[in-house]
Amino acid sequence: MHDIEARQSLLESLLQHGNSVLSSTSMQEHSGLDYRLQELQVRYKELKEASAEKRRQLLRAAADCEAINEHLEKVTTWLNEKERSFDTMEKLPLGSAELVKHTEDRKVESLFINALNFI
C-alpha cells in the first residue's frame, strides 16, 4: 500500500503532463490519449483498493493467528497442569482416601474446565 501511495505524486504529475499535451493534439490523438489517461486513473484506483483489501485481510489473519496462539498457550498450560496432576496421582498409594479425594477434585476441575469451554 505504501509503495502504491508513494507513486501518487508520479501519477498526478503524469496526468498533468498528459492533460497539457491534450491541448496541442489533433482530435484523433486527443481521444486516444484521453482514453489512456482515464484508463491509467482507473487502474491506479483499482490497484489502490485491491491493496487496501489485501491489507485488511492480512490484519484479520494476524488477529486470528494471535487468537489461536493465545488458545494454544491456554491448552498447553492446562495440559501441563493435568500432567502434574497425574504425576501426583502416581505417587499416592492405591486405594487411599487421598487418592479418592484427589480423583474427585480432578473430576470437578475437569467439569469446570469443560463448562468454561462451552461458554
N, C-alpha and C. Protein backbone atom coordinates (compact mmCIF):
# COMPACT_ATOMS: atom_id res chain seq x y z
N MET A 1 0.84 -1.19 0.00
CA MET A 1 0.00 0.00 0.00
C MET A 1 0.87 1.24 0.00
N HIS A 2 1.94 1.21 0.80
CA HIS A 2 2.80 2.39 0.88
C HIS A 2 3.51 2.63 -0.44
N ASP A 3 3.89 1.54 -1.14
CA ASP A 3 4.51 1.69 -2.46
C ASP A 3 3.55 2.35 -3.42
N ILE A 4 2.31 1.94 -3.34
CA ILE A 4 1.29 2.49 -4.24
C ILE A 4 1.08 3.97 -3.95
N GLU A 5 0.93 4.31 -2.68
CA GLU A 5 0.73 5.71 -2.31
C GLU A 5 1.95 6.56 -2.61
N ALA A 6 3.13 5.97 -2.57
CA ALA A 6 4.35 6.70 -2.88
C ALA A 6 4.38 7.12 -4.35
N ARG A 7 3.68 6.39 -5.17
CA ARG A 7 3.64 6.69 -6.60
C ARG A 7 2.51 7.66 -6.96
N GLN A 8 1.74 8.08 -5.99
CA GLN A 8 0.62 9.00 -6.22
C GLN A 8 1.10 10.29 -6.88
N SER A 9 2.18 10.86 -6.37
CA SER A 9 2.66 12.13 -6.94
C SER A 9 3.17 11.93 -8.37
N LEU A 10 3.77 10.79 -8.65
CA LEU A 10 4.21 10.48 -10.01
C LEU A 10 3.01 10.38 -10.95
N LEU A 11 1.97 9.72 -10.50
CA LEU A 11 0.75 9.62 -11.30
C LEU A 11 0.14 10.99 -11.56
N GLU A 12 0.04 11.80 -10.53
CA GLU A 12 -0.53 13.14 -10.69
C GLU A 12 0.29 13.98 -11.66
N SER A 13 1.60 13.89 -11.58
CA SER A 13 2.48 14.63 -12.50
C SER A 13 2.28 14.15 -13.94
N LEU A 14 2.19 12.83 -14.09
CA LEU A 14 1.98 12.26 -15.41
C LEU A 14 0.62 12.70 -15.98
N LEU A 15 -0.41 12.70 -15.14
CA LEU A 15 -1.73 13.12 -15.60
C LEU A 15 -1.74 14.61 -15.98
N GLN A 16 -1.06 15.43 -15.20
CA GLN A 16 -0.97 16.86 -15.52
C GLN A 16 -0.28 17.06 -16.85
N HIS A 17 0.83 16.38 -17.03
CA HIS A 17 1.58 16.50 -18.28
C HIS A 17 0.72 16.00 -19.45
N GLY A 18 0.03 14.89 -19.25
CA GLY A 18 -0.84 14.36 -20.29
C GLY A 18 -1.95 15.32 -20.65
N ASN A 19 -2.54 15.96 -19.65
CA ASN A 19 -3.61 16.93 -19.92
C ASN A 19 -3.08 18.17 -20.64
N SER A 20 -1.86 18.56 -20.33
CA SER A 20 -1.30 19.72 -21.05
C SER A 20 -1.00 19.35 -22.50
N VAL A 21 -0.61 18.11 -22.76
CA VAL A 21 -0.34 17.66 -24.13
C VAL A 21 -1.65 17.55 -24.91
N LEU A 22 -2.74 17.22 -24.20
CA LEU A 22 -4.04 17.08 -24.86
C LEU A 22 -4.44 18.34 -25.63
N SER A 23 -4.09 19.47 -25.09
CA SER A 23 -4.49 20.73 -25.74
C SER A 23 -3.79 20.97 -27.06
N SER A 24 -2.69 20.31 -27.28
CA SER A 24 -1.94 20.55 -28.52
C SER A 24 -2.00 19.36 -29.49
N THR A 25 -2.97 18.48 -29.31
CA THR A 25 -3.06 17.31 -30.20
C THR A 25 -4.28 17.42 -31.10
N SER A 26 -4.23 16.61 -32.16
CA SER A 26 -5.38 16.54 -33.07
C SER A 26 -6.53 15.81 -32.37
N MET A 27 -7.69 15.87 -32.93
CA MET A 27 -8.87 15.27 -32.33
C MET A 27 -8.69 13.76 -32.13
N GLN A 28 -8.13 13.10 -33.15
CA GLN A 28 -7.94 11.66 -33.07
C GLN A 28 -6.91 11.33 -31.99
N GLU A 29 -5.79 12.03 -31.96
CA GLU A 29 -4.77 11.81 -30.94
C GLU A 29 -5.32 12.16 -29.56
N HIS A 30 -6.12 13.21 -29.50
CA HIS A 30 -6.72 13.68 -28.25
C HIS A 30 -7.56 12.57 -27.62
N SER A 31 -8.38 11.94 -28.46
CA SER A 31 -9.27 10.88 -27.98
C SER A 31 -8.47 9.69 -27.43
N GLY A 32 -7.44 9.28 -28.16
CA GLY A 32 -6.61 8.14 -27.73
C GLY A 32 -5.86 8.44 -26.44
N LEU A 33 -5.27 9.62 -26.36
CA LEU A 33 -4.51 10.00 -25.16
C LEU A 33 -5.43 10.17 -23.96
N ASP A 34 -6.58 10.79 -24.20
CA ASP A 34 -7.55 10.97 -23.12
C ASP A 34 -8.01 9.62 -22.57
N TYR A 35 -8.26 8.67 -23.47
CA TYR A 35 -8.67 7.33 -23.06
C TYR A 35 -7.59 6.67 -22.19
N ARG A 36 -6.34 6.78 -22.62
CA ARG A 36 -5.24 6.17 -21.86
C ARG A 36 -5.06 6.83 -20.49
N LEU A 37 -5.21 8.12 -20.43
CA LEU A 37 -5.10 8.81 -19.14
C LEU A 37 -6.21 8.37 -18.18
N GLN A 38 -7.42 8.26 -18.71
CA GLN A 38 -8.53 7.80 -17.88
C GLN A 38 -8.33 6.35 -17.44
N GLU A 39 -7.86 5.53 -18.35
CA GLU A 39 -7.59 4.13 -18.04
C GLU A 39 -6.52 4.02 -16.94
N LEU A 40 -5.51 4.85 -17.02
CA LEU A 40 -4.45 4.87 -16.01
C LEU A 40 -5.02 5.23 -14.62
N GLN A 41 -5.89 6.23 -14.59
CA GLN A 41 -6.51 6.62 -13.33
C GLN A 41 -7.36 5.48 -12.75
N VAL A 42 -8.13 4.84 -13.59
CA VAL A 42 -8.99 3.74 -13.14
C VAL A 42 -8.15 2.58 -12.62
N ARG A 43 -7.12 2.21 -13.35
CA ARG A 43 -6.25 1.10 -12.92
C ARG A 43 -5.54 1.42 -11.61
N TYR A 44 -5.11 2.67 -11.46
CA TYR A 44 -4.46 3.06 -10.21
C TYR A 44 -5.45 2.96 -9.04
N LYS A 45 -6.66 3.44 -9.25
CA LYS A 45 -7.68 3.38 -8.21
C LYS A 45 -7.99 1.92 -7.83
N GLU A 46 -8.14 1.06 -8.84
CA GLU A 46 -8.42 -0.36 -8.60
C GLU A 46 -7.26 -1.02 -7.83
N LEU A 47 -6.05 -0.70 -8.21
CA LEU A 47 -4.88 -1.24 -7.54
C LEU A 47 -4.83 -0.79 -6.08
N LYS A 48 -5.13 0.46 -5.86
CA LYS A 48 -5.13 1.01 -4.50
C LYS A 48 -6.20 0.32 -3.64
N GLU A 49 -7.38 0.12 -4.21
CA GLU A 49 -8.47 -0.54 -3.49
C GLU A 49 -8.13 -2.01 -3.21
N ALA A 50 -7.57 -2.70 -4.19
CA ALA A 50 -7.19 -4.10 -4.00
C ALA A 50 -6.11 -4.22 -2.93
N SER A 51 -5.19 -3.30 -2.94
CA SER A 51 -4.12 -3.30 -1.94
C SER A 51 -4.69 -3.08 -0.54
N ALA A 52 -5.64 -2.17 -0.42
CA ALA A 52 -6.27 -1.90 0.88
C ALA A 52 -7.03 -3.14 1.37
N GLU A 53 -7.70 -3.84 0.47
CA GLU A 53 -8.43 -5.06 0.84
C GLU A 53 -7.46 -6.15 1.30
N LYS A 54 -6.36 -6.31 0.59
CA LYS A 54 -5.34 -7.30 0.99
C LYS A 54 -4.80 -6.96 2.37
N ARG A 55 -4.60 -5.69 2.64
CA ARG A 55 -4.12 -5.26 3.96
C ARG A 55 -5.13 -5.62 5.04
N ARG A 56 -6.42 -5.38 4.77
CA ARG A 56 -7.46 -5.74 5.74
C ARG A 56 -7.46 -7.25 5.99
N GLN A 57 -7.33 -8.02 4.93
CA GLN A 57 -7.31 -9.48 5.07
C GLN A 57 -6.10 -9.94 5.88
N LEU A 58 -4.96 -9.33 5.63
CA LEU A 58 -3.76 -9.69 6.38
C LEU A 58 -3.90 -9.34 7.87
N LEU A 59 -4.50 -8.20 8.14
CA LEU A 59 -4.72 -7.81 9.54
C LEU A 59 -5.67 -8.77 10.23
N ARG A 60 -6.75 -9.19 9.53
CA ARG A 60 -7.67 -10.17 10.09
C ARG A 60 -6.97 -11.50 10.34
N ALA A 61 -6.14 -11.93 9.40
CA ALA A 61 -5.42 -13.20 9.54
C ALA A 61 -4.44 -13.12 10.71
N ALA A 62 -3.79 -11.98 10.88
CA ALA A 62 -2.86 -11.81 12.00
C ALA A 62 -3.61 -11.86 13.33
N ALA A 63 -4.80 -11.25 13.38
CA ALA A 63 -5.61 -11.29 14.60
C ALA A 63 -6.07 -12.72 14.89
N ASP A 64 -6.47 -13.44 13.85
CA ASP A 64 -6.87 -14.85 14.03
C ASP A 64 -5.70 -15.68 14.53
N CYS A 65 -4.55 -15.44 13.97
CA CYS A 65 -3.34 -16.17 14.39
C CYS A 65 -3.03 -15.89 15.86
N GLU A 66 -3.16 -14.65 16.26
CA GLU A 66 -2.91 -14.27 17.65
C GLU A 66 -3.90 -14.98 18.58
N ALA A 67 -5.16 -15.05 18.18
CA ALA A 67 -6.17 -15.73 18.99
C ALA A 67 -5.86 -17.21 19.11
N ILE A 68 -5.43 -17.81 18.02
CA ILE A 68 -5.06 -19.23 18.04
C ILE A 68 -3.87 -19.45 18.97
N ASN A 69 -2.88 -18.56 18.89
CA ASN A 69 -1.72 -18.69 19.76
C ASN A 69 -2.09 -18.56 21.23
N GLU A 70 -2.99 -17.64 21.55
CA GLU A 70 -3.45 -17.49 22.93
C GLU A 70 -4.17 -18.74 23.40
N HIS A 71 -5.03 -19.30 22.54
CA HIS A 71 -5.75 -20.52 22.90
C HIS A 71 -4.77 -21.67 23.07
N LEU A 72 -3.79 -21.76 22.20
CA LEU A 72 -2.78 -22.80 22.29
C LEU A 72 -2.01 -22.71 23.60
N GLU A 73 -1.68 -21.51 24.03
CA GLU A 73 -0.99 -21.32 25.31
C GLU A 73 -1.86 -21.80 26.47
N LYS A 74 -3.16 -21.49 26.42
CA LYS A 74 -4.07 -21.93 27.47
C LYS A 74 -4.17 -23.45 27.52
N VAL A 75 -4.27 -24.06 26.34
CA VAL A 75 -4.36 -25.52 26.28
C VAL A 75 -3.06 -26.15 26.78
N THR A 76 -1.94 -25.58 26.41
CA THR A 76 -0.65 -26.10 26.87
C THR A 76 -0.54 -26.00 28.38
N THR A 77 -0.94 -24.87 28.94
CA THR A 77 -0.93 -24.71 30.39
C THR A 77 -1.83 -25.74 31.05
N TRP A 78 -3.03 -25.93 30.49
CA TRP A 78 -3.98 -26.89 31.05
C TRP A 78 -3.40 -28.30 30.98
N LEU A 79 -2.78 -28.66 29.86
CA LEU A 79 -2.18 -29.99 29.73
C LEU A 79 -1.04 -30.19 30.72
N ASN A 80 -0.23 -29.16 30.91
CA ASN A 80 0.86 -29.26 31.89
C ASN A 80 0.32 -29.47 33.30
N GLU A 81 -0.77 -28.77 33.62
CA GLU A 81 -1.39 -28.95 34.93
C GLU A 81 -1.92 -30.37 35.08
N LYS A 82 -2.54 -30.90 34.04
CA LYS A 82 -3.05 -32.27 34.07
C LYS A 82 -1.92 -33.27 34.23
N GLU A 83 -0.83 -33.03 33.55
CA GLU A 83 0.32 -33.92 33.64
C GLU A 83 0.87 -33.93 35.07
N ARG A 84 0.97 -32.74 35.67
CA ARG A 84 1.43 -32.68 37.07
C ARG A 84 0.44 -33.39 37.99
N SER A 85 -0.84 -33.26 37.69
CA SER A 85 -1.87 -33.93 38.48
C SER A 85 -1.72 -35.44 38.40
N PHE A 86 -1.48 -35.95 37.20
CA PHE A 86 -1.29 -37.39 37.03
C PHE A 86 -0.01 -37.85 37.72
N ASP A 87 1.03 -37.05 37.65
CA ASP A 87 2.27 -37.39 38.35
C ASP A 87 2.02 -37.51 39.84
N THR A 88 1.21 -36.59 40.38
CA THR A 88 0.88 -36.62 41.80
C THR A 88 0.08 -37.87 42.13
N MET A 89 -0.85 -38.24 41.26
CA MET A 89 -1.67 -39.43 41.48
C MET A 89 -0.83 -40.69 41.52
N GLU A 90 0.21 -40.77 40.68
CA GLU A 90 1.07 -41.95 40.64
C GLU A 90 1.82 -42.13 41.95
N LYS A 91 2.09 -41.05 42.66
CA LYS A 91 2.84 -41.12 43.91
C LYS A 91 1.97 -41.52 45.09
N LEU A 92 0.66 -41.43 44.96
CA LEU A 92 -0.24 -41.78 46.05
C LEU A 92 -0.46 -43.29 46.09
N PRO A 93 -0.55 -43.86 47.30
CA PRO A 93 -0.81 -45.30 47.40
C PRO A 93 -2.24 -45.61 46.90
N LEU A 94 -2.37 -46.68 46.15
CA LEU A 94 -3.64 -47.06 45.57
C LEU A 94 -4.66 -47.37 46.65
N GLY A 95 -5.86 -46.84 46.52
CA GLY A 95 -6.95 -47.12 47.45
C GLY A 95 -6.98 -46.20 48.65
N SER A 96 -6.07 -45.27 48.75
CA SER A 96 -6.06 -44.40 49.92
C SER A 96 -7.15 -43.34 49.80
N ALA A 97 -7.52 -42.77 50.92
CA ALA A 97 -8.53 -41.72 50.95
C ALA A 97 -8.05 -40.50 50.15
N GLU A 98 -6.74 -40.25 50.18
CA GLU A 98 -6.18 -39.13 49.44
C GLU A 98 -6.38 -39.31 47.94
N LEU A 99 -6.23 -40.57 47.48
CA LEU A 99 -6.41 -40.84 46.05
C LEU A 99 -7.87 -40.57 45.65
N VAL A 100 -8.79 -41.01 46.48
CA VAL A 100 -10.21 -40.79 46.19
C VAL A 100 -10.50 -39.28 46.15
N LYS A 101 -10.00 -38.53 47.14
CA LYS A 101 -10.23 -37.09 47.17
C LYS A 101 -9.57 -36.42 45.97
N HIS A 102 -8.34 -36.83 45.69
CA HIS A 102 -7.61 -36.26 44.56
C HIS A 102 -8.37 -36.52 43.26
N THR A 103 -8.87 -37.73 43.07
CA THR A 103 -9.62 -38.08 41.87
C THR A 103 -10.90 -37.25 41.76
N GLU A 104 -11.61 -37.11 42.87
CA GLU A 104 -12.83 -36.30 42.87
C GLU A 104 -12.53 -34.84 42.55
N ASP A 105 -11.44 -34.32 43.12
CA ASP A 105 -11.04 -32.95 42.81
C ASP A 105 -10.76 -32.77 41.32
N ARG A 106 -10.09 -33.75 40.73
CA ARG A 106 -9.78 -33.68 39.30
C ARG A 106 -11.05 -33.75 38.45
N LYS A 107 -12.02 -34.57 38.88
CA LYS A 107 -13.28 -34.66 38.15
C LYS A 107 -14.01 -33.32 38.20
N VAL A 108 -14.07 -32.71 39.36
CA VAL A 108 -14.72 -31.41 39.50
C VAL A 108 -14.00 -30.38 38.65
N GLU A 109 -12.68 -30.42 38.70
CA GLU A 109 -11.88 -29.48 37.90
C GLU A 109 -12.14 -29.67 36.41
N SER A 110 -12.21 -30.91 35.96
CA SER A 110 -12.46 -31.18 34.55
C SER A 110 -13.84 -30.71 34.13
N LEU A 111 -14.83 -30.95 34.99
CA LEU A 111 -16.18 -30.48 34.68
C LEU A 111 -16.21 -28.96 34.58
N PHE A 112 -15.50 -28.30 35.48
CA PHE A 112 -15.46 -26.84 35.47
C PHE A 112 -14.80 -26.33 34.19
N ILE A 113 -13.71 -26.93 33.81
CA ILE A 113 -12.99 -26.51 32.61
C ILE A 113 -13.83 -26.78 31.37
N ASN A 114 -14.49 -27.94 31.33
CA ASN A 114 -15.36 -28.25 30.18
C ASN A 114 -16.51 -27.25 30.10
N ALA A 115 -17.04 -26.85 31.25
CA ALA A 115 -18.12 -25.85 31.26
C ALA A 115 -17.61 -24.51 30.72
N LEU A 116 -16.39 -24.14 31.11
CA LEU A 116 -15.81 -22.90 30.61
C LEU A 116 -15.60 -22.93 29.10
N ASN A 117 -15.23 -24.09 28.58
CA ASN A 117 -15.00 -24.21 27.14
C ASN A 117 -16.29 -24.11 26.36
N PHE A 118 -17.42 -24.45 26.97
CA PHE A 118 -18.72 -24.32 26.32
C PHE A 118 -19.20 -22.89 26.27
N ILE A 119 -18.74 -22.07 27.18
CA ILE A 119 -19.22 -20.68 27.28
C ILE A 119 -18.66 -19.85 26.16
